[in-house]
Amino acid sequence: MKQLLLVFIGGGLGSALRFIIGKQFTFDSLSFPWATFIVNLIGSFIIGTVFGYILVKDKLSNDLFVFLVAGFCGGFTTYSAFANESMSLLKAGQTNLFLSYVLSSILVGFFCVWLGYMVSQTFFSVS
């Protein structure tokens, strides 16, 4: 029950922050979906950092892991919006924008996970 509450609180915070960031950008089928792109990259960095920390310290409280990964990142990042915005770009005939969005989301997302991992490896291995 405690972990369910942690997911609920983390997810609520992540969703609220995603909503706030989403309000700063507009998306139509002719423009790059910056809000989803940004939140997914931030979420990728956070997950990379969490897993990097676990590898360095060989531990992380299960409650904090559930709160951050399943809760916060689960509520903050959004694959469904990414898929829908990608489809909207395709349907509008914005093939180049579609390709740049999909490829950059995947490649830069992987880079952000790696970067978070490397930051954890560097920062937490010295302490």
C-alpha atoms as a PDB file:
ATOM      1  CA  MET A   1       0.000   0.000   0.000  1.00  0.00           C
ATOM      2  CA  LYS A   2       2.879   2.361   0.819  1.00  0.00           C
ATOM      3  CA  GLN A   3       4.452   1.862  -2.617  1.00  0.00           C
ATOM      4  CA  LEU A   4       1.118   2.469  -4.330  1.00  0.00           C
ATOM      5  CA  LEU A   5       0.878   5.775  -2.471  1.00  0.00           C
ATOM      6  CA  LEU A   6       4.443   6.672  -3.514  1.00  0.00           C
ATOM      7  CA  VAL A   7       3.620   5.939  -7.167  1.00  0.00           C
ATOM      8  CA  PHE A   8       0.445   7.990  -6.829  1.00  0.00           C
ATOM      9  CA  ILE A   9       2.238  11.015  -5.338  1.00  0.00           C
ATOM     10  CA  GLY A  10       5.217  10.777  -7.698  1.00  0.00           C
ATOM     11  CA  GLY A  11       2.951  10.319 -10.704  1.00  0.00           C
ATOM     12  CA  GLY A  12       0.832  13.286  -9.669  1.00  0.00           C
ATOM     13  CA  LEU A  13       3.885  15.509  -9.321  1.00  0.00           C
ATOM     14  CA  GLY A  14       5.297  14.302 -12.635  1.00  0.00           C
ATOM     15  CA  SER A  15       1.981  14.804 -14.429  1.00  0.00           C
ATOM     16  CA  ALA A  16       1.523  18.285 -12.955  1.00  0.00           C
ATOM     17  CA  LEU A  17       5.023  19.315 -14.023  1.00  0.00           C
ATOM     18  CA  ARG A  18       4.440  17.878 -17.490  1.00  0.00           C
ATOM     19  CA  PHE A  19       1.202  19.873 -17.719  1.00  0.00           C
ATOM     20  CA  ILE A  20       3.023  23.081 -16.717  1.00  0.00           C
ATOM     21  CA  ILE A  21       5.767  22.504 -19.292  1.00  0.00           C
ATOM     22  CA  GLY A  22       3.154  21.632 -21.928  1.00  0.00           C
ATOM     23  CA  LYS A  23       1.452  24.992 -21.379  1.00  0.00           C
ATOM     24  CA  GLN A  24       4.692  26.761 -22.345  1.00  0.00           C
ATOM     25  CA  PHE A  25       4.616  25.309 -25.873  1.00  0.00           C
ATOM     26  CA  THR A  26       1.946  24.913 -28.480  1.00  0.00           C
ATOM     27  CA  PHE A  27       1.767  22.012 -30.861  1.00  0.00           C
ATOM     28  CA  ASP A  28      -0.008  21.777 -34.151  1.00  0.00           C
ATOM     29  CA  SER A  29       0.618  19.292 -36.918  1.00  0.00           C
ATOM     30  CA  LEU A  30       2.966  21.773 -38.620  1.00  0.00           C
ATOM     31  CA  SER A  31       5.401  22.369 -35.749  1.00  0.00           C
ATOM     32  CA  PHE A  32       7.907  20.398 -33.720  1.00  0.00           C
ATOM     33  CA  PRO A  33       6.375  18.991 -30.495  1.00  0.00           C
ATOM     34  CA  TRP A  34       8.840  20.625 -28.096  1.00  0.00           C
ATOM     35  CA  ALA A  35       6.965  19.974 -24.838  1.00  0.00           C
ATOM     36  CA  THR A  36       6.850  16.195 -25.243  1.00  0.00           C
ATOM     37  CA  PHE A  37      10.399  16.147 -26.591  1.00  0.00           C
ATOM     38  CA  ILE A  38      11.738  18.084 -23.592  1.00  0.00           C
ATOM     39  CA  VAL A  39       9.896  16.119 -20.894  1.00  0.00           C
ATOM     40  CA  ASN A  40      10.890  12.791 -22.418  1.00  0.00           C
ATOM     41  CA  LEU A  41      14.550  13.835 -22.512  1.00  0.00           C
ATOM     42  CA  ILE A  42      14.467  15.064 -18.919  1.00  0.00           C
ATOM     43  CA  GLY A  43      12.780  11.821 -17.870  1.00  0.00           C
ATOM     44  CA  SER A  44      15.430   9.813 -19.753  1.00  0.00           C
ATOM     45  CA  PHE A  45      18.155  11.708 -17.920  1.00  0.00           C
ATOM     46  CA  ILE A  46      16.489  11.109 -14.546  1.00  0.00           C
ATOM     47  CA  ILE A  47      16.125   7.380 -15.193  1.00  0.00           C
ATOM     48  CA  GLY A  48      19.736   7.159 -16.356  1.00  0.00           C
ATOM     49  CA  THR A  49      20.836   8.974 -13.216  1.00  0.00           C
ATOM     50  CA  VAL A  50      18.803   6.689 -10.944  1.00  0.00           C
ATOM     51  CA  PHE A  51      20.124   3.519 -12.552  1.00  0.00           C
ATOM     52  CA  GLY A  52      23.663   4.910 -12.587  1.00  0.00           C
ATOM     53  CA  TYR A  53      23.357   5.611  -8.876  1.00  0.00           C
ATOM     54  CA  ILE A  54      22.140   2.080  -8.229  1.00  0.00           C
ATOM     55  CA  LEU A  55      25.130   0.659 -10.096  1.00  0.00           C
ATOM     56  CA  VAL A  56      27.626   2.831  -8.203  1.00  0.00           C
ATOM     57  CA  LYS A  57      26.153   2.529  -4.727  1.00  0.00           C
ATOM     58  CA  ASP A  58      24.673  -0.942  -5.287  1.00  0.00           C
ATOM     59  CA  LYS A  59      21.545   0.237  -3.515  1.00  0.00           C
ATOM     60  CA  LEU A  60      18.726   2.708  -3.543  1.00  0.00           C
ATOM     61  CA  SER A  61      15.818   2.607  -1.192  1.00  0.00           C
ATOM     62  CA  ASN A  62      13.029   0.714  -2.895  1.00  0.00           C
ATOM     63  CA  ASP A  63      10.593   3.457  -1.887  1.00  0.00           C
ATOM     64  CA  LEU A  64      12.689   6.160  -3.557  1.00  0.00           C
ATOM     65  CA  PHE A  65      13.093   4.020  -6.677  1.00  0.00           C
ATOM     66  CA  VAL A  66       9.323   3.448  -6.919  1.00  0.00           C
ATOM     67  CA  PHE A  67       8.634   7.146  -6.279  1.00  0.00           C
ATOM     68  CA  LEU A  68      11.122   8.396  -8.899  1.00  0.00           C
ATOM     69  CA  VAL A  69      10.938   5.797 -11.670  1.00  0.00           C
ATOM     70  CA  ALA A  70       7.413   4.353 -11.609  1.00  0.00           C
ATOM     71  CA  GLY A  71       5.804   7.437 -10.079  1.00  0.00           C
ATOM     72  CA  PHE A  72       7.466  10.665 -11.148  1.00  0.00           C
ATOM     73  CA  CYS A  73       8.964   9.555 -14.462  1.00  0.00           C
ATOM     74  CA  GLY A  74       5.875   7.485 -15.249  1.00  0.00           C
ATOM     75  CA  GLY A  75       3.672  10.547 -14.828  1.00  0.00           C
ATOM     76  CA  PHE A  76       6.127  13.012 -16.329  1.00  0.00           C
ATOM     77  CA  THR A  77       7.186  11.275 -19.534  1.00  0.00           C
ATOM     78  CA  THR A  78       4.719  10.298 -22.186  1.00  0.00           C
ATOM     79  CA  TYR A  79       5.035   7.744 -24.929  1.00  0.00           C
ATOM     80  CA  SER A  80       1.389   8.083 -25.928  1.00  0.00           C
ATOM     81  CA  ALA A  81       1.744  11.818 -26.649  1.00  0.00           C
ATOM     82  CA  PHE A  82       4.951  11.093 -28.595  1.00  0.00           C
ATOM     83  CA  ALA A  83       3.133   8.494 -30.710  1.00  0.00           C
ATOM     84  CA  ASN A  84       0.093  10.719 -31.262  1.00  0.00           C
ATOM     85  CA  GLU A  85       2.151  13.774 -32.202  1.00  0.00           C
ATOM     86  CA  SER A  86       4.232  11.644 -34.565  1.00  0.00           C
ATOM     87  CA  MET A  87       1.058  10.380 -36.240  1.00  0.00           C
ATOM     88  CA  SER A  88      -0.291  13.943 -36.491  1.00  0.00           C
ATOM     89  CA  LEU A  89       2.880  15.052 -38.271  1.00  0.00           C
ATOM     90  CA  LEU A  90       2.618  12.151 -40.704  1.00  0.00           C
ATOM     91  CA  LYS A  91      -1.062  12.755 -41.405  1.00  0.00           C
ATOM     92  CA  ALA A  92      -0.299  16.427 -42.108  1.00  0.00           C
ATOM     93  CA  GLY A  93       2.313  15.414 -44.682  1.00  0.00           C
ATOM     94  CA  GLN A  94       5.177  16.717 -42.525  1.00  0.00           C
ATOM     95  CA  THR A  95       7.453  13.771 -43.314  1.00  0.00           C
ATOM     96  CA  ASN A  96      10.728  15.584 -42.621  1.00  0.00           C
ATOM     97  CA  LEU A  97       9.434  16.958 -39.327  1.00  0.00           C
ATOM     98  CA  PHE A  98       8.113  13.500 -38.433  1.00  0.00           C
ATOM     99  CA  LEU A  99      11.472  11.874 -39.143  1.00  0.00           C
ATOM    100  CA  SER A 100      13.427  14.526 -37.253  1.00  0.00           C
ATOM    101  CA  TYR A 101      11.082  14.235 -34.256  1.00  0.00           C
ATOM    102  CA  VAL A 102      11.109  10.449 -34.084  1.00  0.00           C
ATOM    103  CA  LEU A 103      14.831  10.011 -34.715  1.00  0.00           C
ATOM    104  CA  SER A 104      15.912  12.836 -32.424  1.00  0.00           C
ATOM    105  CA  SER A 105      13.586  11.625 -29.654  1.00  0.00           C
ATOM    106  CA  ILE A 106      15.061   8.142 -29.784  1.00  0.00           C
ATOM    107  CA  LEU A 107      18.705   9.088 -30.282  1.00  0.00           C
ATOM    108  CA  VAL A 108      18.815  12.046 -27.909  1.00  0.00           C
ATOM    109  CA  GLY A 109      16.720  10.059 -25.411  1.00  0.00           C
ATOM    110  CA  PHE A 110      19.339   7.293 -25.399  1.00  0.00           C
ATOM    111  CA  PHE A 111      22.032   9.946 -25.042  1.00  0.00           C
ATOM    112  CA  CYS A 112      20.230  11.457 -22.022  1.00  0.00           C
ATOM    113  CA  VAL A 113      20.001   8.045 -20.325  1.00  0.00           C
ATOM    114  CA  TRP A 114      23.714   7.535 -20.973  1.00  0.00           C
ATOM    115  CA  LEU A 115      24.510  11.061 -19.745  1.00  0.00           C
ATOM    116  CA  GLY A 116      22.516  10.516 -16.548  1.00  0.00           C
ATOM    117  CA  TYR A 117      24.330   7.242 -16.020  1.00  0.00           C
ATOM    118  CA  MET A 118      27.715   8.924 -16.555  1.00  0.00           C
ATOM    119  CA  VAL A 119      26.847  11.806 -14.220  1.00  0.00           C
ATOM    120  CA  SER A 120      25.935   9.293 -11.523  1.00  0.00           C
ATOM    121  CA  GLN A 121      29.092   7.317 -12.124  1.00  0.00           C
ATOM    122  CA  THR A 122      31.216  10.449 -11.818  1.00  0.00           C
ATOM    123  CA  PHE A 123      29.385  12.236  -9.028  1.00  0.00           C
ATOM    124  CA  PHE A 124      28.498   9.336  -6.738  1.00  0.00           C
ATOM    125  CA  SER A 125      31.692   7.321  -7.109  1.00  0.00           C
ATOM    126  CA  VAL A 126      33.747  10.085  -5.439  1.00  0.00           C
ATOM    127  CA  SER A 127      31.527  10.394  -2.385  1.00  0.00           C
END
